[in-house]
Amino acid sequence: MVANTETEVAQTPESGSEPILSWEAKEFAEYARDKRWYTVVLVAGIVLAFGAVVLALLSKSLRDGLSYGLVAVVFALGTYVVLKHADDAPRMLTYSISKLGVTVGNTFHPYGELRQYWLIYKPPVKTLHIQRINRYRPILRIDMADVDPLAIREALRPYLPEDTKRAEDFLDKFSRFIRL
């Protein structure tokens, strides 16, 4: 069992964690979605779930039928979750880089738990990605807003190695394409 070592802290000069760089940005990208978008998502979910049900009914073994039935349930639930959370508004969070680690909102991530970072700067995409040492923890994706990427690089350089070969992930591109 892995202990959760992320801590919620208020940065104070006494703790030695005064920010080197700090900014505010939205928690995630916000997209305008019209009725057509909702219709396409709903129809795609129904078609995928219905196709899985048909495959379940046509399968020759009970095991394959149950597998396709489970896939149909996953497609139906996935469609529901996407439609339910599509209009969630992102919160404005404060991001900061200090000598001790990176703070995202109220959550502090010490450098000892972080492996490396990389910057994606291809406007309108401007994100800081921070990979954690624990491979089961998600990568931190932080919107750089209007902060100079060179300032972020200079603030992180003494504490984390930069991976200059990383590019934008396919799933990030795909989710932006489908406005998710």
Protein backbone atom coordinates (compact mmCIF):
# COMPACT_ATOMS: atom_id res chain seq x y z
CA MET A 1 0.00 0.00 0.00
CA VAL A 2 1.38 3.41 -1.01
CA ALA A 3 0.91 6.25 1.45
CA ASN A 4 -0.47 9.51 0.12
CA THR A 5 2.27 12.00 0.90
CA GLU A 6 0.71 14.99 -0.84
CA THR A 7 -0.12 17.60 1.74
CA GLU A 8 -2.35 20.61 1.76
CA VAL A 9 -0.38 23.59 2.98
CA ALA A 10 -0.58 27.31 2.95
CA GLN A 11 2.70 28.71 1.75
CA THR A 12 4.33 30.89 4.36
CA PRO A 13 7.78 32.46 4.53
CA GLU A 14 8.40 30.61 7.82
CA SER A 15 8.12 27.23 6.13
CA GLY A 16 10.74 28.14 3.51
CA SER A 17 8.27 27.62 0.73
CA GLU A 18 7.73 31.16 -0.49
CA PRO A 19 6.85 31.05 -4.19
CA ILE A 20 9.52 31.62 -6.80
CA LEU A 21 6.77 31.89 -9.40
CA SER A 22 3.00 31.96 -8.94
CA TRP A 23 0.00 32.34 -11.26
CA GLU A 24 -3.71 31.65 -11.56
CA ALA A 25 -5.30 29.58 -14.30
CA LYS A 26 -8.32 27.42 -14.94
CA GLU A 27 -8.26 23.85 -13.70
CA PHE A 28 -8.98 22.51 -17.20
CA ALA A 29 -9.88 23.84 -20.65
CA GLU A 30 -13.43 25.03 -21.12
CA TYR A 31 -15.17 24.48 -24.45
CA ALA A 32 -18.41 25.80 -25.90
CA ARG A 33 -20.72 22.90 -26.71
CA ASP A 34 -23.95 23.27 -28.63
CA LYS A 35 -26.93 20.90 -28.91
CA ARG A 36 -25.29 19.24 -31.90
CA TRP A 37 -22.29 18.20 -29.76
CA TYR A 38 -24.58 16.62 -27.15
CA THR A 39 -26.56 14.85 -29.87
CA VAL A 40 -23.42 13.42 -31.49
CA VAL A 41 -22.10 12.17 -28.12
CA LEU A 42 -25.45 10.62 -27.21
CA VAL A 43 -25.88 8.92 -30.60
CA ALA A 44 -22.28 7.63 -30.57
CA GLY A 45 -22.77 6.20 -27.08
CA ILE A 46 -26.05 4.54 -28.04
CA VAL A 47 -24.57 3.06 -31.23
CA LEU A 48 -21.53 1.67 -29.40
CA ALA A 49 -23.62 0.23 -26.57
CA PHE A 50 -26.19 -1.23 -28.99
CA GLY A 51 -23.40 -2.76 -31.11
CA ALA A 52 -21.94 -4.42 -28.03
CA VAL A 53 -25.40 -5.80 -27.10
CA VAL A 54 -25.83 -7.20 -30.60
CA LEU A 55 -22.41 -8.86 -30.40
CA ALA A 56 -23.38 -10.26 -26.97
CA LEU A 57 -26.56 -11.78 -28.39
CA LEU A 58 -24.79 -13.21 -31.43
CA SER A 59 -21.88 -14.71 -29.54
CA LYS A 60 -21.70 -18.48 -29.36
CA SER A 61 -20.38 -18.80 -25.84
CA LEU A 62 -21.76 -17.48 -22.60
CA ARG A 63 -18.37 -16.05 -21.67
CA ASP A 64 -18.12 -13.97 -24.84
CA GLY A 65 -21.74 -12.86 -24.42
CA LEU A 66 -21.07 -11.66 -20.89
CA SER A 67 -17.91 -9.88 -22.03
CA TYR A 68 -19.77 -7.96 -24.75
CA GLY A 69 -22.59 -7.25 -22.32
CA LEU A 70 -20.10 -5.73 -19.91
CA VAL A 71 -18.65 -3.63 -22.75
CA ALA A 72 -22.18 -2.36 -23.50
CA VAL A 73 -22.61 -1.33 -19.86
CA VAL A 74 -19.24 0.45 -19.90
CA PHE A 75 -20.17 2.38 -23.08
CA ALA A 76 -23.55 3.36 -21.60
CA LEU A 77 -22.02 4.51 -18.30
CA GLY A 78 -19.20 6.32 -20.09
CA THR A 79 -21.69 8.21 -22.24
CA TYR A 80 -23.69 9.16 -19.14
CA VAL A 81 -20.60 10.43 -17.30
CA VAL A 82 -19.42 12.50 -20.30
CA LEU A 83 -22.85 14.09 -20.75
CA LYS A 84 -23.30 14.71 -17.02
CA HIS A 85 -19.94 16.44 -16.56
CA ALA A 86 -19.72 18.22 -19.91
CA ASP A 87 -20.95 21.50 -18.46
CA ASP A 88 -18.86 21.46 -15.28
CA ALA A 89 -17.14 24.82 -14.98
CA PRO A 90 -13.41 24.76 -14.21
CA ARG A 91 -12.25 26.33 -10.96
CA MET A 92 -9.61 29.04 -10.93
CA LEU A 93 -6.59 27.58 -9.14
CA THR A 94 -3.40 29.16 -7.91
CA TYR A 95 -0.24 27.40 -9.09
CA SER A 96 3.14 28.09 -7.57
CA ILE A 97 6.70 26.85 -7.77
CA SER A 98 8.88 27.12 -4.67
CA LYS A 99 12.23 25.77 -3.48
CA LEU A 100 10.42 22.85 -1.81
CA GLY A 101 7.98 21.79 -4.54
CA VAL A 102 4.99 22.66 -6.67
CA THR A 103 1.60 23.71 -5.31
CA VAL A 104 -1.59 23.13 -7.30
CA GLY A 105 -4.51 24.83 -5.61
CA ASN A 106 -4.20 23.72 -1.97
CA THR A 107 -2.18 20.57 -2.73
CA PHE A 108 1.58 20.65 -2.26
CA HIS A 109 3.77 18.25 -4.28
CA PRO A 110 7.34 18.07 -2.90
CA TYR A 111 10.14 17.61 -5.44
CA GLY A 112 10.99 14.26 -3.85
CA GLU A 113 7.75 12.88 -5.34
CA LEU A 114 8.28 14.38 -8.81
CA ARG A 115 10.37 12.80 -11.57
CA GLN A 116 10.56 15.33 -14.41
CA TYR A 117 8.67 18.03 -16.27
CA TRP A 118 8.10 19.15 -19.83
CA LEU A 119 6.49 22.15 -21.45
CA ILE A 120 4.05 22.13 -24.36
CA TYR A 121 4.00 25.60 -25.86
CA LYS A 122 2.13 25.66 -29.15
CA PRO A 123 -0.52 28.36 -28.69
CA PRO A 124 -3.33 28.00 -27.90
CA VAL A 125 -1.90 24.96 -26.05
CA LYS A 126 0.33 26.16 -23.21
CA THR A 127 0.75 23.48 -20.55
CA LEU A 128 3.28 22.40 -17.96
CA HIS A 129 3.36 18.62 -17.44
CA ILE A 130 4.93 17.16 -14.32
CA GLN A 131 5.48 13.42 -14.04
CA ARG A 132 5.40 11.92 -10.57
CA ILE A 133 7.75 9.19 -9.36
CA ASN A 134 4.81 6.95 -8.48
CA ARG A 135 3.72 5.58 -11.86
CA TYR A 136 0.17 5.01 -10.62
CA ARG A 137 -0.39 8.71 -9.99
CA PRO A 138 -1.56 10.82 -12.93
CA ILE A 139 0.67 13.35 -14.63
CA LEU A 140 0.03 16.89 -13.40
CA ARG A 141 -1.20 18.98 -16.34
CA ILE A 142 -1.05 22.67 -15.51
CA ASP A 143 -2.27 25.48 -17.74
CA MET A 144 0.45 28.11 -18.04
CA ALA A 145 -2.09 30.86 -18.84
CA ASP A 146 -0.04 33.94 -19.77
CA VAL A 147 3.10 32.98 -17.85
CA ASP A 148 6.32 33.00 -19.84
CA PRO A 149 7.43 29.37 -20.35
CA LEU A 150 11.05 30.46 -19.93
CA ALA A 151 10.22 31.75 -16.43
CA ILE A 152 8.71 28.36 -15.55
CA ARG A 153 11.76 26.58 -16.97
CA GLU A 154 14.12 28.77 -14.94
CA ALA A 155 12.08 28.23 -11.76
CA LEU A 156 12.06 24.42 -12.14
CA ARG A 157 15.56 23.90 -13.58
CA PRO A 158 17.42 23.63 -10.23
CA TYR A 159 14.95 21.08 -8.85
CA LEU A 160 13.65 18.85 -11.67
CA PRO A 161 15.09 17.59 -14.95
CA GLU A 162 13.31 18.72 -18.11
CA ASP A 163 12.33 16.17 -20.74
CA THR A 164 12.77 18.15 -23.96
CA LYS A 165 11.81 15.23 -26.19
CA ARG A 166 8.23 14.89 -24.95
CA ALA A 167 5.44 16.11 -27.19
CA GLU A 168 1.74 16.54 -26.60
CA ASP A 169 0.03 13.27 -25.78
CA PHE A 170 -2.39 11.77 -28.35
CA LEU A 171 -5.21 11.64 -25.78
CA ASP A 172 -4.76 15.34 -25.00
CA LYS A 173 -4.99 16.17 -28.71
CA PHE A 174 -8.00 13.88 -29.15
CA SER A 175 -9.88 15.25 -26.14
CA ARG A 176 -9.27 18.81 -27.38
CA PHE A 177 -10.49 17.77 -30.86
CA ILE A 178 -13.75 16.39 -29.47
CA ARG A 179 -14.02 19.32 -27.02
CA LEU A 180 -13.97 17.16 -23.94
